[in-house]
């Protein structure tokens, strides 16, 4: 009986060991399956996030392209505004030059580089050139008039104007569209109601 009970114990131990081994394999299988499911779920989420990142990168590139286009348009607008301002400045320059020249002074050359203006001419006397300098200084378009020289001409063009002179003057920078008065905003005072 001892042999039968030992065999029975051995069989029970072997079957318990086999059952434990099978249970261990089943637990490992289900744990592996659960981890595989979590990994697959995370990979699916990562793919969705990657698709969104790609879509955002495309939008960022489009925004950068629009910003470059906007910068080019602003640059063009500034050039156009500058040209429009200088166009009115040219008309104002010629008008004020014509009005500021005193009797006895003749301009022979007018040269402009940017905001610098060089005036060369002839005059009846030094006093006429001084009067012309004062006239330029009192004008709001001309800044810092400087006399380069006044001298007797070696060969005067006319006998009435024996002196030649050179004046350098800076022009006031053109007004931008913002600085010029906006007449649409001016309220009309008085009148019939």
Protein backbone atom coordinates (compact mmCIF):
# COMPACT_ATOMS: atom_id res chain seq x y z
CA UNK A 1 0.00 0.00 0.00
CA UNK A 2 2.83 2.22 0.57
CA UNK A 3 3.85 1.77 -3.00
CA UNK A 4 0.36 2.59 -4.21
CA UNK A 5 0.13 5.67 -2.05
CA UNK A 6 3.60 6.81 -3.22
CA UNK A 7 2.58 6.27 -6.80
CA UNK A 8 -0.65 8.10 -6.16
CA UNK A 9 1.26 11.01 -4.59
CA UNK A 10 3.71 11.07 -7.45
CA UNK A 11 0.82 11.07 -9.91
CA UNK A 12 -0.91 13.90 -8.04
CA UNK A 13 2.34 15.86 -7.86
CA UNK A 14 2.97 15.28 -11.54
CA UNK A 15 -0.59 16.26 -12.45
CA UNK A 16 -0.36 19.37 -10.17
CA UNK A 17 2.94 20.23 -11.80
CA UNK A 18 1.45 19.72 -15.25
CA UNK A 19 -1.63 21.74 -14.33
CA UNK A 20 0.59 24.52 -12.93
CA UNK A 21 2.69 24.47 -16.10
CA UNK A 22 -0.42 24.62 -18.30
CA UNK A 23 -1.86 27.41 -16.13
CA UNK A 24 1.46 29.28 -16.35
CA UNK A 25 1.50 28.95 -20.15
CA UNK A 26 -2.13 30.18 -20.34
CA UNK A 27 -1.32 33.16 -18.08
CA UNK A 28 1.78 34.02 -20.14
CA UNK A 29 -0.28 33.67 -23.35
CA UNK A 30 -3.05 35.99 -22.06
CA UNK A 31 -0.51 38.48 -20.65
CA UNK A 32 1.32 38.49 -24.00
CA UNK A 33 -2.00 38.91 -25.83
CA UNK A 34 -2.95 41.82 -23.55
CA UNK A 35 0.41 43.52 -24.08
CA UNK A 36 0.17 42.96 -27.85
CA UNK A 37 -3.26 44.60 -27.80
CA UNK A 38 -1.93 47.61 -25.86
CA UNK A 39 1.03 47.93 -28.23
CA UNK A 40 -1.27 47.73 -31.27
CA UNK A 41 -3.58 50.34 -29.74
CA UNK A 42 -0.63 52.68 -29.03
CA UNK A 43 0.71 52.21 -32.56
CA UNK A 44 -2.70 53.12 -33.97
CA UNK A 45 -2.73 56.25 -31.81
CA UNK A 46 0.82 57.09 -32.95
CA UNK A 47 -0.27 56.77 -36.59
CA UNK A 48 -3.18 59.15 -36.00
CA UNK A 49 -0.86 61.65 -34.28
CA UNK A 50 1.66 61.32 -37.14
CA UNK A 51 -1.09 62.03 -39.70
CA UNK A 52 -2.06 65.16 -37.75
CA UNK A 53 1.59 66.25 -37.56
CA UNK A 54 1.95 65.82 -41.34
CA UNK A 55 -1.24 67.83 -41.92
CA UNK A 56 0.03 70.59 -39.59
CA UNK A 57 3.42 70.66 -41.35
CA UNK A 58 1.63 71.20 -44.67
CA UNK A 59 -0.38 74.05 -43.12
CA UNK A 60 2.79 75.57 -41.61
CA UNK A 61 4.47 75.53 -45.04
CA UNK A 62 1.41 77.23 -46.55
CA UNK A 63 1.43 79.87 -43.79
CA UNK A 64 5.15 80.52 -44.37
CA UNK A 65 4.46 80.89 -48.10
CA UNK A 66 1.63 83.35 -47.36
CA UNK A 67 3.90 85.32 -45.01
CA UNK A 68 6.56 85.60 -47.74
CA UNK A 69 3.89 86.76 -50.20
CA UNK A 70 2.62 89.28 -47.64
CA UNK A 71 6.15 90.62 -47.08
CA UNK A 72 6.62 91.03 -50.85
CA UNK A 73 3.28 92.86 -51.16
CA UNK A 74 4.13 95.17 -48.25
CA UNK A 75 7.47 95.93 -49.87
CA UNK A 76 5.75 96.75 -53.17
CA UNK A 77 3.22 98.93 -51.37
CA UNK A 78 6.01 100.87 -49.65
CA UNK A 79 7.77 101.41 -53.00
CA UNK A 80 4.54 102.68 -54.55
CA UNK A 81 3.90 105.00 -51.60
CA UNK A 82 7.46 106.29 -51.85
CA UNK A 83 7.06 106.94 -55.58
CA UNK A 84 3.75 108.72 -55.03
CA UNK A 85 5.25 110.87 -52.29
CA UNK A 86 8.29 111.73 -54.40
CA UNK A 87 6.04 112.61 -57.34
CA UNK A 88 4.31 115.30 -55.32
CA UNK A 89 7.67 116.37 -53.88
CA UNK A 90 9.05 116.92 -57.39
CA UNK A 91 6.15 119.19 -58.28
CA UNK A 92 6.53 121.04 -54.97
CA UNK A 93 10.31 121.31 -55.49
CA UNK A 94 10.01 122.92 -58.91
CA UNK A 95 7.25 125.23 -57.71
CA UNK A 96 9.18 126.42 -54.65
CA UNK A 97 12.44 126.76 -56.58
CA UNK A 98 10.72 128.99 -59.12
CA UNK A 99 9.10 131.12 -56.41
CA UNK A 100 12.26 131.45 -54.31
CA UNK A 101 14.66 132.75 -56.98
CA UNK A 102 15.18 136.49 -56.48
CA UNK A 103 15.65 138.98 -59.28
CA UNK A 104 19.26 139.04 -60.44
CA UNK A 105 19.85 135.31 -59.89
CA UNK A 106 19.70 132.67 -62.62
CA UNK A 107 19.98 128.94 -62.05
CA UNK A 108 21.96 127.14 -64.74
CA UNK A 109 22.08 123.64 -63.24
CA UNK A 110 19.88 121.77 -60.80
CA UNK A 111 21.09 118.31 -59.78
CA UNK A 112 19.36 115.99 -57.33
CA UNK A 113 20.72 112.84 -55.72
CA UNK A 114 18.29 111.40 -53.21
CA UNK A 115 17.47 114.22 -50.78
CA UNK A 116 20.55 116.29 -51.73
CA UNK A 117 20.12 119.12 -54.19
CA UNK A 118 22.95 121.02 -55.91
CA UNK A 119 22.10 124.44 -57.37
CA UNK A 120 24.56 126.17 -59.69
CA UNK A 121 23.91 129.54 -61.28
CA UNK A 122 24.90 133.13 -61.95
CA UNK A 123 24.05 136.34 -60.13
CA UNK A 124 24.42 140.11 -60.31
CA UNK A 125 26.12 140.30 -56.90
CA UNK A 126 27.07 138.46 -53.74
CA UNK A 127 24.15 140.16 -51.97
CA UNK A 128 21.70 138.49 -54.38
CA UNK A 129 23.19 135.07 -53.56
CA UNK A 130 22.87 135.87 -49.82
CA UNK A 131 19.22 136.82 -50.36
CA UNK A 132 18.69 133.56 -52.22
CA UNK A 133 20.26 131.59 -49.33
CA UNK A 134 17.96 133.33 -46.83
CA UNK A 135 14.96 132.56 -49.03
CA UNK A 136 15.93 128.88 -49.22
CA UNK A 137 16.45 128.74 -45.43
CA UNK A 138 12.99 130.21 -44.79
CA UNK A 139 11.32 127.64 -47.05
CA UNK A 140 10.03 124.47 -45.31
CA UNK A 141 11.02 122.20 -48.23
CA UNK A 142 14.72 123.05 -48.07
CA UNK A 143 16.91 122.10 -45.11
CA UNK A 144 20.41 123.37 -44.29
CA UNK A 145 21.28 125.43 -47.39
CA UNK A 146 25.06 125.74 -47.66
CA UNK A 147 27.00 128.02 -49.96
CA UNK A 148 29.83 126.14 -51.66
CA UNK A 149 31.27 129.21 -53.42
CA UNK A 150 30.55 132.60 -54.95
CA UNK A 151 33.17 133.97 -57.31
CA UNK A 152 33.63 136.20 -60.30
CA UNK A 153 33.19 134.22 -63.43
CA UNK A 154 36.19 134.06 -65.75
CA UNK A 155 33.84 134.20 -68.73
CA UNK A 156 30.37 135.37 -67.64
CA UNK A 157 27.43 134.28 -69.80
CA UNK A 158 25.94 137.79 -69.55
CA UNK A 159 27.43 141.10 -68.55
CA UNK A 160 24.62 141.70 -66.03
CA UNK A 161 25.42 138.55 -64.02
CA UNK A 162 29.21 138.36 -63.61
CA UNK A 163 29.23 136.09 -60.52
CA UNK A 164 28.81 132.35 -60.41
CA UNK A 165 27.75 130.37 -57.34
CA UNK A 166 27.08 126.86 -56.06
CA UNK A 167 24.68 125.98 -53.26
CA UNK A 168 24.06 122.61 -51.65
CA UNK A 169 20.74 122.07 -49.90
CA UNK A 170 18.95 119.07 -48.40
CA UNK A 171 15.31 118.40 -49.19
CA UNK A 172 12.75 117.59 -46.52
CA UNK A 173 11.99 113.86 -46.70
CA UNK A 174 8.70 113.18 -48.49
CA UNK A 175 5.66 112.84 -46.27
CA UNK A 176 4.17 109.40 -46.02
CA UNK A 177 0.49 108.84 -46.67
CA UNK A 178 -0.07 108.67 -42.90
CA UNK A 179 1.54 112.09 -42.30
CA UNK A 180 -0.42 113.88 -45.00
CA UNK A 181 -3.77 115.26 -43.94
CA UNK A 182 -6.74 113.05 -44.51
CA UNK A 183 -9.41 115.45 -45.70
CA UNK A 184 -12.20 112.88 -45.38
CA UNK A 185 -11.96 113.16 -41.58
CA UNK A 186 -12.21 116.97 -41.47
CA UNK A 187 -15.50 118.15 -40.02
CA UNK A 188 -17.18 121.06 -41.72
CA UNK A 189 -17.98 123.77 -39.22
CA UNK A 190 -20.97 126.06 -39.64
CA UNK A 191 -23.25 125.89 -42.64
CA UNK A 192 -26.95 125.06 -42.92
CA UNK A 193 -28.32 122.25 -40.85
